[in-house]
Amino acid sequence: MKWEELKWELIGSLGKAFVDAWFATIKVESEGREKVRSILESRRFIFAFWHSRILLISYLYQGWGGVILVSASRDGEYMARVLKRQGHCTVRGSTSKKGGRALAEQIRRIQEEPARPGVVVPDGPQGPRFRAQPGVVLLAKKTGYPVIPITYSARRMKVFPSWDRFILPLPFTVCKVVYGDPVVVPTDADPVVLQERLGRLEQELRRITFEADRGFGHVIE
């Protein structure tokens, strides 16, 4: 194995170990999971969450083989290596760079057997923050899978001064994971319907994220 590949393998292993140890100290509660339980059990769904809320969700659902689009940049490589170690399937690309090819590959991987969920970060990789890009509804249309909005917040957390206002729950705190109302995109949806469903998803993701934050007394500007 070449040194460069060995380095990335080590980064993936250490990154996963760090995330596992970090969240092992944290108590996780959930809200709204019961209403999507049957969809989750089918594993035929698409998770959608904001770029700032990826850490806990990828940790909780490790081993599920989620097919997630990750930026083809060098920074994206760090995230991709950790996600692979968590048992997820990564597709490299974005909506702005080789987006069509990446979306086609994501669809192909999702439709493989056994069933595996899709994962989309609709405001990634560069924003604007809390603005959903159309890739998520196109993926839902092509696969026929419902989109489950999901988010989380924490009682004590570090908010980074990045474009996405990335949050890191602090050790020994309490996190709450919130599941929103699923958004279904018809497989014959026209551009008008796609735009309507995209707006509905964005609104629901904003709603549950703001409510999760307010539940712990946070207002993140």
N, C-alpha and C. Protein backbone atom coordinates (compact mmCIF):
# COMPACT_ATOMS: atom_id res chain seq x y z
N MET A 1 0.85 -1.20 0.00
CA MET A 1 0.00 0.00 0.00
C MET A 1 0.89 1.25 0.00
N LYS A 2 0.59 2.19 -0.90
CA LYS A 2 1.37 3.41 -0.99
C LYS A 2 1.13 4.27 0.24
N TRP A 3 2.12 5.13 0.53
CA TRP A 3 2.05 5.96 1.72
C TRP A 3 0.82 6.85 1.72
N GLU A 4 0.48 7.43 0.56
CA GLU A 4 -0.67 8.34 0.49
C GLU A 4 -1.95 7.62 0.89
N GLU A 5 -2.15 6.41 0.36
CA GLU A 5 -3.35 5.65 0.69
C GLU A 5 -3.33 5.21 2.16
N LEU A 6 -2.16 4.83 2.64
CA LEU A 6 -2.03 4.45 4.05
C LEU A 6 -2.40 5.62 4.96
N LYS A 7 -1.98 6.80 4.58
CA LYS A 7 -2.31 8.00 5.35
C LYS A 7 -3.82 8.19 5.43
N TRP A 8 -4.52 8.07 4.30
CA TRP A 8 -5.97 8.27 4.29
C TRP A 8 -6.69 7.17 5.06
N GLU A 9 -6.19 5.95 4.98
CA GLU A 9 -6.78 4.86 5.76
C GLU A 9 -6.65 5.14 7.26
N LEU A 10 -5.50 5.66 7.65
CA LEU A 10 -5.28 5.99 9.06
C LEU A 10 -6.19 7.13 9.50
N ILE A 11 -6.36 8.11 8.65
CA ILE A 11 -7.26 9.23 8.96
C ILE A 11 -8.68 8.72 9.17
N GLY A 12 -9.13 7.81 8.29
CA GLY A 12 -10.47 7.25 8.43
C GLY A 12 -10.65 6.49 9.73
N SER A 13 -9.67 5.66 10.07
CA SER A 13 -9.75 4.85 11.28
C SER A 13 -9.73 5.72 12.54
N LEU A 14 -8.82 6.68 12.59
CA LEU A 14 -8.72 7.56 13.75
C LEU A 14 -9.95 8.47 13.86
N GLY A 15 -10.45 8.92 12.72
CA GLY A 15 -11.63 9.77 12.73
C GLY A 15 -12.84 9.04 13.27
N LYS A 16 -13.05 7.81 12.83
CA LYS A 16 -14.18 7.02 13.34
C LYS A 16 -14.02 6.75 14.83
N ALA A 17 -12.81 6.41 15.26
CA ALA A 17 -12.57 6.13 16.69
C ALA A 17 -12.86 7.37 17.53
N PHE A 18 -12.48 8.53 17.01
CA PHE A 18 -12.72 9.78 17.74
C PHE A 18 -14.21 10.05 17.87
N VAL A 19 -14.95 9.91 16.76
CA VAL A 19 -16.40 10.17 16.79
C VAL A 19 -17.09 9.18 17.72
N ASP A 20 -16.71 7.90 17.66
CA ASP A 20 -17.31 6.89 18.53
C ASP A 20 -17.08 7.24 20.00
N ALA A 21 -15.85 7.59 20.34
CA ALA A 21 -15.52 7.91 21.74
C ALA A 21 -16.23 9.18 22.18
N TRP A 22 -16.30 10.16 21.31
CA TRP A 22 -16.93 11.45 21.64
C TRP A 22 -18.41 11.26 21.97
N PHE A 23 -19.14 10.58 21.06
CA PHE A 23 -20.58 10.45 21.24
C PHE A 23 -20.97 9.37 22.25
N ALA A 24 -20.03 8.51 22.62
CA ALA A 24 -20.31 7.53 23.66
C ALA A 24 -20.59 8.20 25.00
N THR A 25 -20.13 9.45 25.17
CA THR A 25 -20.34 10.17 26.43
C THR A 25 -21.66 10.95 26.44
N ILE A 26 -22.35 10.97 25.31
CA ILE A 26 -23.50 11.85 25.14
C ILE A 26 -24.81 11.07 25.19
N LYS A 27 -25.78 11.61 25.91
CA LYS A 27 -27.11 11.01 25.95
C LYS A 27 -27.92 11.52 24.77
N VAL A 28 -28.52 10.59 24.03
CA VAL A 28 -29.27 10.96 22.83
C VAL A 28 -30.75 10.65 23.03
N GLU A 29 -31.58 11.67 22.86
CA GLU A 29 -33.03 11.51 22.88
C GLU A 29 -33.55 11.73 21.46
N SER A 30 -34.79 11.31 21.21
CA SER A 30 -35.35 11.50 19.88
C SER A 30 -36.79 12.00 19.97
N GLU A 31 -37.22 12.63 18.89
CA GLU A 31 -38.59 13.14 18.80
C GLU A 31 -39.09 12.91 17.37
N GLY A 32 -40.27 12.31 17.25
CA GLY A 32 -40.88 12.11 15.94
C GLY A 32 -40.47 10.83 15.24
N ARG A 33 -39.67 9.98 15.90
CA ARG A 33 -39.19 8.77 15.23
C ARG A 33 -40.32 7.79 14.97
N GLU A 34 -41.30 7.75 15.86
CA GLU A 34 -42.36 6.76 15.73
C GLU A 34 -43.13 6.93 14.42
N LYS A 35 -43.32 8.16 13.99
CA LYS A 35 -44.12 8.39 12.78
C LYS A 35 -43.40 7.94 11.50
N VAL A 36 -42.08 7.74 11.58
CA VAL A 36 -41.34 7.27 10.40
C VAL A 36 -40.72 5.90 10.62
N ARG A 37 -41.12 5.23 11.71
CA ARG A 37 -40.50 3.95 12.06
C ARG A 37 -40.59 2.93 10.92
N SER A 38 -41.78 2.78 10.33
CA SER A 38 -41.96 1.77 9.28
C SER A 38 -41.10 2.10 8.05
N ILE A 39 -40.95 3.38 7.75
CA ILE A 39 -40.10 3.78 6.62
C ILE A 39 -38.65 3.46 6.93
N LEU A 40 -38.21 3.76 8.14
CA LEU A 40 -36.84 3.47 8.53
C LEU A 40 -36.55 1.98 8.45
N GLU A 41 -37.50 1.17 8.91
CA GLU A 41 -37.29 -0.28 8.91
C GLU A 41 -37.19 -0.84 7.50
N SER A 42 -37.83 -0.19 6.54
CA SER A 42 -37.75 -0.65 5.15
C SER A 42 -36.39 -0.36 4.53
N ARG A 43 -35.70 0.62 5.06
CA ARG A 43 -34.41 1.11 4.55
C ARG A 43 -34.54 1.67 3.14
N ARG A 44 -35.74 1.92 2.71
CA ARG A 44 -35.98 2.53 1.40
C ARG A 44 -36.45 3.97 1.61
N PHE A 45 -35.49 4.84 1.89
CA PHE A 45 -35.79 6.24 2.16
C PHE A 45 -34.56 7.07 1.88
N ILE A 46 -34.73 8.38 1.93
CA ILE A 46 -33.62 9.31 1.76
C ILE A 46 -33.59 10.22 2.99
N PHE A 47 -32.49 10.23 3.69
CA PHE A 47 -32.31 11.18 4.79
C PHE A 47 -31.86 12.51 4.19
N ALA A 48 -32.42 13.60 4.71
CA ALA A 48 -31.96 14.94 4.34
C ALA A 48 -31.68 15.72 5.61
N PHE A 49 -30.48 16.26 5.74
CA PHE A 49 -30.13 17.07 6.90
C PHE A 49 -29.13 18.13 6.47
N TRP A 50 -29.08 19.21 7.25
CA TRP A 50 -28.19 20.32 6.92
C TRP A 50 -26.73 19.95 7.13
N HIS A 51 -25.86 20.66 6.43
CA HIS A 51 -24.42 20.40 6.48
C HIS A 51 -23.87 20.51 7.90
N SER A 52 -24.46 21.38 8.70
CA SER A 52 -23.96 21.60 10.07
C SER A 52 -24.36 20.48 11.03
N ARG A 53 -25.21 19.55 10.58
CA ARG A 53 -25.77 18.55 11.50
C ARG A 53 -25.42 17.12 11.09
N ILE A 54 -24.26 16.91 10.52
CA ILE A 54 -23.94 15.59 9.96
C ILE A 54 -23.38 14.62 11.00
N LEU A 55 -22.63 15.11 11.99
CA LEU A 55 -21.83 14.22 12.83
C LEU A 55 -22.65 13.17 13.58
N LEU A 56 -23.66 13.59 14.31
CA LEU A 56 -24.42 12.66 15.14
C LEU A 56 -25.23 11.69 14.28
N ILE A 57 -25.78 12.16 13.18
CA ILE A 57 -26.62 11.30 12.35
C ILE A 57 -25.79 10.20 11.70
N SER A 58 -24.62 10.55 11.19
CA SER A 58 -23.77 9.51 10.59
C SER A 58 -23.31 8.51 11.64
N TYR A 59 -23.14 8.97 12.88
CA TYR A 59 -22.75 8.08 13.98
C TYR A 59 -23.89 7.14 14.35
N LEU A 60 -25.09 7.66 14.50
CA LEU A 60 -26.24 6.85 14.92
C LEU A 60 -26.59 5.79 13.89
N TYR A 61 -26.41 6.10 12.63
CA TYR A 61 -26.82 5.19 11.56
C TYR A 61 -25.64 4.51 10.88
N GLN A 62 -24.52 4.42 11.58
CA GLN A 62 -23.38 3.73 10.99
C GLN A 62 -23.71 2.25 10.83
N GLY A 63 -23.20 1.68 9.75
CA GLY A 63 -23.49 0.29 9.43
C GLY A 63 -24.72 0.10 8.57
N TRP A 64 -25.44 1.17 8.28
CA TRP A 64 -26.65 1.08 7.46
C TRP A 64 -26.35 1.12 5.96
N GLY A 65 -25.12 1.41 5.60
CA GLY A 65 -24.77 1.45 4.18
C GLY A 65 -25.39 2.62 3.44
N GLY A 66 -25.65 3.71 4.16
CA GLY A 66 -26.24 4.88 3.52
C GLY A 66 -25.38 5.39 2.37
N VAL A 67 -26.02 5.70 1.25
CA VAL A 67 -25.31 6.19 0.06
C VAL A 67 -25.33 7.71 0.09
N ILE A 68 -24.19 8.32 0.39
CA ILE A 68 -24.12 9.75 0.61
C ILE A 68 -23.19 10.42 -0.38
N LEU A 69 -23.65 11.54 -0.91
CA LEU A 69 -22.85 12.35 -1.83
C LEU A 69 -21.89 13.21 -1.02
N VAL A 70 -20.59 13.10 -1.34
CA VAL A 70 -19.56 13.84 -0.62
C VAL A 70 -18.73 14.62 -1.63
N SER A 71 -18.40 15.84 -1.28
CA SER A 71 -17.61 16.70 -2.16
C SER A 71 -16.35 16.00 -2.65
N ALA A 72 -16.00 16.24 -3.92
CA ALA A 72 -14.80 15.64 -4.50
C ALA A 72 -13.53 16.39 -4.10
N SER A 73 -13.65 17.41 -3.27
CA SER A 73 -12.50 18.20 -2.84
C SER A 73 -11.63 17.41 -1.86
N ARG A 74 -10.46 17.96 -1.57
CA ARG A 74 -9.57 17.33 -0.59
C ARG A 74 -10.21 17.35 0.79
N ASP A 75 -10.90 18.44 1.14
CA ASP A 75 -11.60 18.49 2.43
C ASP A 75 -12.66 17.40 2.50
N GLY A 76 -13.34 17.15 1.38
CA GLY A 76 -14.34 16.09 1.34
C GLY A 76 -13.76 14.71 1.56
N GLU A 77 -12.47 14.56 1.21
CA GLU A 77 -11.81 13.27 1.39
C GLU A 77 -11.76 12.87 2.86
N TYR A 78 -11.54 13.83 3.75
CA TYR A 78 -11.51 13.54 5.18
C TYR A 78 -12.86 12.95 5.63
N MET A 79 -13.94 13.63 5.23
CA MET A 79 -15.28 13.16 5.60
C MET A 79 -15.57 11.80 4.98
N ALA A 80 -15.19 11.63 3.71
CA ALA A 80 -15.47 10.37 3.02
C ALA A 80 -14.80 9.19 3.71
N ARG A 81 -13.59 9.38 4.16
CA ARG A 81 -12.86 8.28 4.80
C ARG A 81 -13.51 7.87 6.12
N VAL A 82 -13.96 8.85 6.89
CA VAL A 82 -14.65 8.52 8.14
C VAL A 82 -15.97 7.83 7.86
N LEU A 83 -16.73 8.35 6.90
CA LEU A 83 -18.03 7.76 6.55
C LEU A 83 -17.87 6.32 6.09
N LYS A 84 -16.86 6.04 5.30
CA LYS A 84 -16.62 4.66 4.85
C LYS A 84 -16.35 3.75 6.03
N ARG A 85 -15.56 4.23 6.99
CA ARG A 85 -15.27 3.44 8.18
C ARG A 85 -16.52 3.20 9.01
N GLN A 86 -17.47 4.11 8.92
CA GLN A 86 -18.74 3.94 9.64
C GLN A 86 -19.70 2.99 8.91
N GLY A 87 -19.29 2.53 7.76
CA GLY A 87 -20.13 1.58 7.04
C GLY A 87 -21.07 2.22 6.04
N HIS A 88 -20.79 3.46 5.67
CA HIS A 88 -21.58 4.14 4.65
C HIS A 88 -20.92 3.98 3.29
N CYS A 89 -21.68 4.26 2.26
CA CYS A 89 -21.18 4.20 0.88
C CYS A 89 -21.12 5.62 0.36
N THR A 90 -19.95 6.08 -0.04
CA THR A 90 -19.80 7.46 -0.48
C THR A 90 -19.70 7.55 -2.00
N VAL A 91 -20.34 8.57 -2.54
CA VAL A 91 -20.24 8.91 -3.96
C VAL A 91 -19.63 10.29 -4.02
N ARG A 92 -18.54 10.45 -4.76
CA ARG A 92 -17.83 11.72 -4.77
C ARG A 92 -18.36 12.61 -5.88
N GLY A 93 -18.68 13.84 -5.52
CA GLY A 93 -19.19 14.81 -6.47
C GLY A 93 -20.04 15.83 -5.74
N SER A 94 -20.70 16.70 -6.49
CA SER A 94 -21.57 17.71 -5.91
C SER A 94 -22.54 18.19 -6.96
N THR A 95 -23.45 19.06 -6.54
CA THR A 95 -24.40 19.62 -7.49
C THR A 95 -23.73 20.62 -8.42
N SER A 96 -22.54 21.10 -8.06
CA SER A 96 -21.88 22.11 -8.87
C SER A 96 -20.73 21.56 -9.70
N LYS A 97 -20.27 20.34 -9.39
CA LYS A 97 -19.14 19.76 -10.11
C LYS A 97 -19.44 18.30 -10.42
N LYS A 98 -19.60 18.00 -11.71
CA LYS A 98 -19.93 16.64 -12.13
C LYS A 98 -21.19 16.14 -11.43
N GLY A 99 -22.13 17.07 -11.24
CA GLY A 99 -23.31 16.73 -10.46
C GLY A 99 -24.17 15.66 -11.09
N GLY A 100 -24.39 15.73 -12.41
CA GLY A 100 -25.24 14.75 -13.07
C GLY A 100 -24.69 13.34 -12.97
N ARG A 101 -23.39 13.19 -13.17
CA ARG A 101 -22.76 11.88 -13.09
C ARG A 101 -22.79 11.34 -11.67
N ALA A 102 -22.57 12.22 -10.70
CA ALA A 102 -22.60 11.79 -9.30
C ALA A 102 -24.00 11.35 -8.89
N LEU A 103 -25.02 12.10 -9.33
CA LEU A 103 -26.41 11.74 -9.01
C LEU A 103 -26.76 10.40 -9.62
N ALA A 104 -26.35 10.15 -10.86
CA ALA A 104 -26.63 8.86 -11.51
C ALA A 104 -25.98 7.71 -10.75
N GLU A 105 -24.76 7.94 -10.27
CA GLU A 105 -24.06 6.90 -9.50
C GLU A 105 -24.75 6.66 -8.16
N GLN A 106 -25.22 7.73 -7.53
CA GLN A 106 -25.93 7.58 -6.26
C GLN A 106 -27.22 6.79 -6.46
N ILE A 107 -27.95 7.07 -7.51
CA ILE A 107 -29.18 6.32 -7.81
C ILE A 107 -28.87 4.85 -8.02
N ARG A 108 -27.81 4.56 -8.78
CA ARG A 108 -27.44 3.16 -9.04
C ARG A 108 -27.11 2.42 -7.75
N ARG A 109 -26.35 3.08 -6.87
CA ARG A 109 -25.96 2.42 -5.61
C ARG A 109 -27.18 2.20 -4.70
N ILE A 110 -28.08 3.17 -4.66
CA ILE A 110 -29.26 3.04 -3.82
C ILE A 110 -30.14 1.89 -4.26
N GLN A 111 -30.24 1.67 -5.56
CA GLN A 111 -31.14 0.66 -6.10
C GLN A 111 -30.55 -0.74 -6.09
N GLU A 112 -29.31 -0.88 -5.63
CA GLU A 112 -28.72 -2.21 -5.48
C GLU A 112 -29.42 -2.96 -4.34
N GLU A 113 -29.32 -4.27 -4.35
CA GLU A 113 -29.83 -5.07 -3.24
C GLU A 113 -28.65 -5.52 -2.38
N PRO A 114 -28.86 -5.62 -1.03
CA PRO A 114 -30.09 -5.30 -0.30
C PRO A 114 -30.36 -3.80 -0.25
N ALA A 115 -31.58 -3.46 0.15
CA ALA A 115 -32.00 -2.07 0.17
C ALA A 115 -31.09 -1.24 1.07
N ARG A 116 -30.77 -0.06 0.62
CA ARG A 116 -29.97 0.86 1.43
C ARG A 116 -30.51 2.27 1.24
N PRO A 117 -30.47 3.08 2.29
CA PRO A 117 -31.01 4.45 2.19
C PRO A 117 -30.08 5.37 1.43
N GLY A 118 -30.67 6.44 0.89
CA GLY A 118 -29.89 7.52 0.33
C GLY A 118 -29.70 8.60 1.38
N VAL A 119 -28.68 9.40 1.23
CA VAL A 119 -28.41 10.49 2.16
C VAL A 119 -28.03 11.72 1.35
N VAL A 120 -28.69 12.84 1.64
CA VAL A 120 -28.39 14.09 0.93
C VAL A 120 -28.23 15.22 1.95
N VAL A 121 -27.22 16.02 1.75
CA VAL A 121 -27.01 17.23 2.54
C VAL A 121 -27.39 18.39 1.62
N PRO A 122 -28.64 18.84 1.66
CA PRO A 122 -29.14 19.71 0.59
C PRO A 122 -28.56 21.11 0.54
N ASP A 123 -27.85 21.56 1.60
CA ASP A 123 -27.20 22.87 1.51
C ASP A 123 -25.69 22.74 1.37
N GLY A 124 -25.20 21.52 1.13
CA GLY A 124 -23.77 21.31 0.99
C GLY A 124 -23.35 21.25 -0.47
N PRO A 125 -22.02 21.30 -0.72
CA PRO A 125 -20.95 21.42 0.28
C PRO A 125 -20.56 22.86 0.63
N GLN A 126 -21.14 23.85 -0.08
CA GLN A 126 -20.70 25.23 0.16
C GLN A 126 -21.84 26.21 0.41
N GLY A 127 -23.04 25.72 0.59
CA GLY A 127 -24.15 26.61 0.89
C GLY A 127 -24.88 27.11 -0.34
N PRO A 128 -25.75 28.09 -0.17
CA PRO A 128 -25.99 28.87 1.04
C PRO A 128 -26.59 28.04 2.18
N ARG A 129 -26.30 28.46 3.38
CA ARG A 129 -26.77 27.75 4.57
C ARG A 129 -28.29 27.71 4.62
N PHE A 130 -28.80 26.51 4.94
CA PHE A 130 -30.24 26.28 5.11
C PHE A 130 -31.05 26.58 3.85
N ARG A 131 -30.39 26.45 2.68
CA ARG A 131 -31.09 26.58 1.41
C ARG A 131 -30.94 25.26 0.67
N ALA A 132 -32.05 24.59 0.41
CA ALA A 132 -32.01 23.26 -0.21
C ALA A 132 -31.79 23.35 -1.71
N GLN A 133 -30.83 22.58 -2.21
CA GLN A 133 -30.56 22.48 -3.64
C GLN A 133 -31.40 21.35 -4.24
N PRO A 134 -31.67 21.39 -5.55
CA PRO A 134 -32.65 20.47 -6.15
C PRO A 134 -32.25 19.01 -6.24
N GLY A 135 -30.98 18.68 -5.99
CA GLY A 135 -30.56 17.29 -6.13
C GLY A 135 -31.37 16.31 -5.30
N VAL A 136 -31.80 16.71 -4.12
CA VAL A 136 -32.52 15.81 -3.22
C VAL A 136 -33.87 15.40 -3.79
N VAL A 137 -34.60 16.32 -4.40
CA VAL A 137 -35.91 15.95 -4.95
C VAL A 137 -35.76 15.18 -6.26
N LEU A 138 -34.69 15.43 -7.01
CA LEU A 138 -34.43 14.64 -8.20
C LEU A 138 -34.12 13.19 -7.82
N LEU A 139 -33.35 13.03 -6.75
CA LEU A 139 -33.03 11.68 -6.27
C LEU A 139 -34.29 10.97 -5.81
N ALA A 140 -35.17 11.68 -5.11
CA ALA A 140 -36.43 11.09 -4.65
C ALA A 140 -37.32 10.70 -5.82
N LYS A 141 -37.36 11.53 -6.84
CA LYS A 141 -38.17 11.23 -8.02
C LYS A 141 -37.66 9.98 -8.73
N LYS A 142 -36.36 9.87 -8.91
CA LYS A 142 -35.78 8.75 -9.65
C LYS A 142 -35.87 7.43 -8.89
N THR A 143 -35.80 7.48 -7.56
CA THR A 143 -35.83 6.24 -6.77
C THR A 143 -37.21 5.88 -6.27
N GLY A 144 -38.09 6.88 -6.17
CA GLY A 144 -39.41 6.65 -5.57
C GLY A 144 -39.38 6.58 -4.06
N TYR A 145 -38.24 6.94 -3.45
CA TYR A 145 -38.11 6.88 -1.99
C TYR A 145 -38.62 8.18 -1.35
N PRO A 146 -39.29 8.07 -0.20
CA PRO A 146 -39.67 9.29 0.53
C PRO A 146 -38.45 9.92 1.17
N VAL A 147 -38.50 11.23 1.33
CA VAL A 147 -37.40 11.97 1.98
C VAL A 147 -37.78 12.23 3.43
N ILE A 148 -36.92 11.81 4.34
CA ILE A 148 -37.14 12.04 5.77
C ILE A 148 -36.23 13.18 6.22
N PRO A 149 -36.80 14.35 6.56
CA PRO A 149 -35.98 15.42 7.14
C PRO A 149 -35.56 15.02 8.56
N ILE A 150 -34.31 15.25 8.89
CA ILE A 150 -33.80 14.88 10.21
C ILE A 150 -32.78 15.92 10.65
N THR A 151 -32.74 16.21 11.93
CA THR A 151 -31.81 17.19 12.46
C THR A 151 -31.51 16.87 13.91
N TYR A 152 -30.66 17.67 14.54
CA TYR A 152 -30.42 17.51 15.98
C TYR A 152 -29.85 18.79 16.55
N SER A 153 -29.92 18.89 17.85
CA SER A 153 -29.27 19.97 18.58
C SER A 153 -28.78 19.41 19.90
N ALA A 154 -28.12 20.25 20.68
CA ALA A 154 -27.52 19.79 21.94
C ALA A 154 -27.65 20.86 23.01
N ARG A 155 -27.73 20.40 24.24
CA ARG A 155 -27.82 21.34 25.36
C ARG A 155 -26.56 22.20 25.45
N ARG A 156 -25.41 21.56 25.35
CA ARG A 156 -24.14 22.29 25.34
C ARG A 156 -23.40 21.93 24.06
N MET A 157 -22.98 22.94 23.33
CA MET A 157 -22.31 22.67 22.06
C MET A 157 -21.44 23.84 21.64
N LYS A 158 -20.47 23.53 20.80
CA LYS A 158 -19.60 24.53 20.18
C LYS A 158 -20.17 24.83 18.80
N VAL A 159 -20.37 26.12 18.51
CA VAL A 159 -20.82 26.55 17.18
C VAL A 159 -19.63 27.20 16.49
N PHE A 160 -19.21 26.63 15.37
CA PHE A 160 -18.03 27.13 14.67
C PHE A 160 -18.39 28.30 13.76
N PRO A 161 -17.46 29.22 13.54
CA PRO A 161 -17.72 30.39 12.69
C PRO A 161 -17.55 30.09 11.20
N SER A 162 -18.01 28.92 10.77
CA SER A 162 -17.93 28.52 9.37
C SER A 162 -19.19 28.96 8.64
N TRP A 163 -19.22 28.81 7.31
CA TRP A 163 -20.38 29.25 6.53
C TRP A 163 -21.66 28.54 6.98
N ASP A 164 -21.54 27.27 7.43
CA ASP A 164 -22.73 26.49 7.81
C ASP A 164 -23.05 26.58 9.29
N ARG A 165 -22.20 27.28 10.07
CA ARG A 165 -22.38 27.35 11.53
C ARG A 165 -22.41 25.93 12.12
N PHE A 166 -21.38 25.15 11.77
CA PHE A 166 -21.28 23.75 12.18
C PHE A 166 -21.33 23.62 13.69
N ILE A 167 -22.11 22.63 14.18
CA ILE A 167 -22.22 22.45 15.62
C ILE A 167 -21.50 21.16 16.06
N LEU A 168 -20.88 21.24 17.21
CA LEU A 168 -20.24 20.07 17.83
C LEU A 168 -20.75 19.94 19.25
N PRO A 169 -21.61 18.95 19.53
CA PRO A 169 -22.06 18.73 20.91
C PRO A 169 -20.87 18.46 21.82
N LEU A 170 -20.90 19.02 23.00
CA LEU A 170 -19.80 18.83 23.94
C LEU A 170 -19.97 17.53 24.71
N PRO A 171 -18.89 16.95 25.20
CA PRO A 171 -18.98 15.68 25.93
C PRO A 171 -19.93 15.77 27.13
N PHE A 172 -20.61 14.65 27.38
CA PHE A 172 -21.49 14.49 28.55
C PHE A 172 -22.71 15.42 28.53
N THR A 173 -23.09 15.87 27.35
CA THR A 173 -24.28 16.69 27.22
C THR A 173 -25.44 15.82 26.76
N VAL A 174 -26.57 16.44 26.48
CA VAL A 174 -27.76 15.76 25.94
C VAL A 174 -28.02 16.29 24.54
N CYS A 175 -28.26 15.37 23.61
CA CYS A 175 -28.65 15.73 22.25
C CYS A 175 -30.07 15.26 22.00
N LYS A 176 -30.77 15.99 21.17
CA LYS A 176 -32.09 15.55 20.74
C LYS A 176 -32.10 15.47 19.21
N VAL A 177 -32.45 14.27 18.70
CA VAL A 177 -32.61 14.06 17.26
C VAL A 177 -34.08 14.21 16.93
N VAL A 178 -34.39 15.03 15.93
CA VAL A 178 -35.78 15.31 15.57
C VAL A 178 -36.03 14.86 14.13
N TYR A 179 -37.09 14.07 13.96
CA TYR A 179 -37.51 13.59 12.64
C TYR A 179 -38.70 14.43 12.17
N GLY A 180 -38.62 14.94 10.97
CA GLY A 180 -39.71 15.75 10.42
C GLY A 180 -40.69 14.90 9.62
N ASP A 181 -41.69 15.57 9.09
CA ASP A 181 -42.68 14.90 8.25
C ASP A 181 -42.06 14.52 6.91
N PRO A 182 -42.23 13.26 6.47
CA PRO A 182 -41.65 12.84 5.20
C PRO A 182 -42.21 13.63 4.02
N VAL A 183 -41.38 13.80 3.02
CA VAL A 183 -41.78 14.47 1.78
C VAL A 183 -41.70 13.45 0.65
N VAL A 184 -42.82 13.23 -0.02
CA VAL A 184 -42.88 12.26 -1.11
C VAL A 184 -42.88 13.00 -2.44
N VAL A 185 -42.03 12.56 -3.35
CA VAL A 185 -41.94 13.17 -4.68
C VAL A 185 -42.43 12.15 -5.70
N PRO A 186 -43.53 12.43 -6.42
CA PRO A 186 -44.05 11.48 -7.42
C PRO A 186 -42.99 11.20 -8.49
N THR A 187 -42.96 9.97 -8.98
CA THR A 187 -41.98 9.61 -10.00
C THR A 187 -42.26 10.29 -11.33
N ASP A 188 -43.46 10.85 -11.49
CA ASP A 188 -43.78 11.59 -12.72
C ASP A 188 -43.86 13.10 -12.47
N ALA A 189 -43.25 13.55 -11.40
CA ALA A 189 -43.32 14.97 -11.02
C ALA A 189 -42.72 15.86 -12.11
N ASP A 190 -43.44 16.94 -12.46
CA ASP A 190 -42.93 17.92 -13.41
C ASP A 190 -42.14 18.98 -12.65
N PRO A 191 -41.49 19.92 -13.36
CA PRO A 191 -40.68 20.93 -12.67
C PRO A 191 -41.43 21.74 -11.62
N VAL A 192 -42.72 22.00 -11.85
CA VAL A 192 -43.50 22.76 -10.88
C VAL A 192 -43.65 21.98 -9.58
N VAL A 193 -43.97 20.69 -9.70
CA VAL A 193 -44.13 19.85 -8.51
C VAL A 193 -42.79 19.67 -7.81
N LEU A 194 -41.72 19.49 -8.57
CA LEU A 194 -40.39 19.34 -7.97
C LEU A 194 -40.04 20.57 -7.13
N GLN A 195 -40.32 21.75 -7.67
CA GLN A 195 -40.01 22.97 -6.94
C GLN A 195 -40.86 23.09 -5.68
N GLU A 196 -42.12 22.69 -5.77
CA GLU A 196 -43.00 22.75 -4.61
C GLU A 196 -42.52 21.81 -3.52
N ARG A 197 -42.13 20.58 -3.89
CA ARG A 197 -41.65 19.62 -2.90
C ARG A 197 -40.31 20.05 -2.31
N LEU A 198 -39.46 20.68 -3.12
CA LEU A 198 -38.20 21.18 -2.61
C LEU A 198 -38.45 22.26 -1.56
N GLY A 199 -39.39 23.17 -1.85
CA GLY A 199 -39.74 24.20 -0.89
C GLY A 199 -40.32 23.63 0.39
N ARG A 200 -41.15 22.58 0.24
CA ARG A 200 -41.74 21.94 1.42
C ARG A 200 -40.65 21.30 2.28
N LEU A 201 -39.69 20.64 1.64
CA LEU A 201 -38.60 20.00 2.39
C LEU A 201 -37.75 21.05 3.10
N GLU A 202 -37.40 22.11 2.40
CA GLU A 202 -36.59 23.16 3.02
C GLU A 202 -37.30 23.77 4.23
N GLN A 203 -38.58 24.02 4.07
CA GLN A 203 -39.35 24.60 5.17
C GLN A 203 -39.40 23.66 6.37
N GLU A 204 -39.59 22.35 6.11
CA GLU A 204 -39.65 21.39 7.21
C GLU A 204 -38.30 21.24 7.91
N LEU A 205 -37.23 21.22 7.13
CA LEU A 205 -35.90 21.12 7.73
C LEU A 205 -35.58 22.35 8.58
N ARG A 206 -35.96 23.51 8.08
CA ARG A 206 -35.75 24.72 8.86
C ARG A 206 -36.57 24.67 10.16
N ARG A 207 -37.82 24.24 10.04
CA ARG A 207 -38.72 24.20 11.20
C ARG A 207 -38.16 23.31 12.30
N ILE A 208 -37.81 22.07 11.95
CA ILE A 208 -37.38 21.14 12.99
C ILE A 208 -36.01 21.53 13.56
N THR A 209 -35.17 22.15 12.73
CA THR A 209 -33.86 22.59 13.22
C THR A 209 -34.00 23.75 14.19
N PHE A 210 -34.81 24.74 13.83
CA PHE A 210 -35.02 25.87 14.73
C PHE A 210 -35.69 25.42 16.03
N GLU A 211 -36.65 24.50 15.93
CA GLU A 211 -37.32 24.01 17.13
C GLU A 211 -36.36 23.22 18.02
N ALA A 212 -35.50 22.40 17.40
CA ALA A 212 -34.51 21.65 18.18
C ALA A 212 -33.57 22.59 18.92
N ASP A 213 -33.11 23.63 18.23
CA ASP A 213 -32.22 24.61 18.87
C ASP A 213 -32.93 25.37 19.98
N ARG A 214 -34.14 25.83 19.70
CA ARG A 214 -34.88 26.60 20.71
C ARG A 214 -35.21 25.77 21.94
N GLY A 215 -35.37 24.45 21.73
CA GLY A 215 -35.65 23.57 22.86
C GLY A 215 -34.55 23.58 23.90
N PHE A 216 -33.32 23.91 23.45
CA PHE A 216 -32.19 24.01 24.39
C PHE A 216 -31.80 25.46 24.64
N GLY A 217 -32.65 26.38 24.18
CA GLY A 217 -32.39 27.79 24.44
C GLY A 217 -31.40 28.44 23.49
N HIS A 218 -31.16 27.82 22.31
CA HIS A 218 -30.19 28.36 21.37
C HIS A 218 -30.88 29.12 20.23
N VAL A 219 -30.27 30.19 19.81
CA VAL A 219 -30.64 30.89 18.58
C VAL A 219 -29.33 31.11 17.81
N ILE A 220 -29.13 30.31 16.76
CA ILE A 220 -27.88 30.39 16.00
C ILE A 220 -28.07 31.31 14.81
N GLU A 221 -27.37 32.43 14.84
CA GLU A 221 -27.50 33.44 13.76
C GLU A 221 -26.74 33.00 12.51
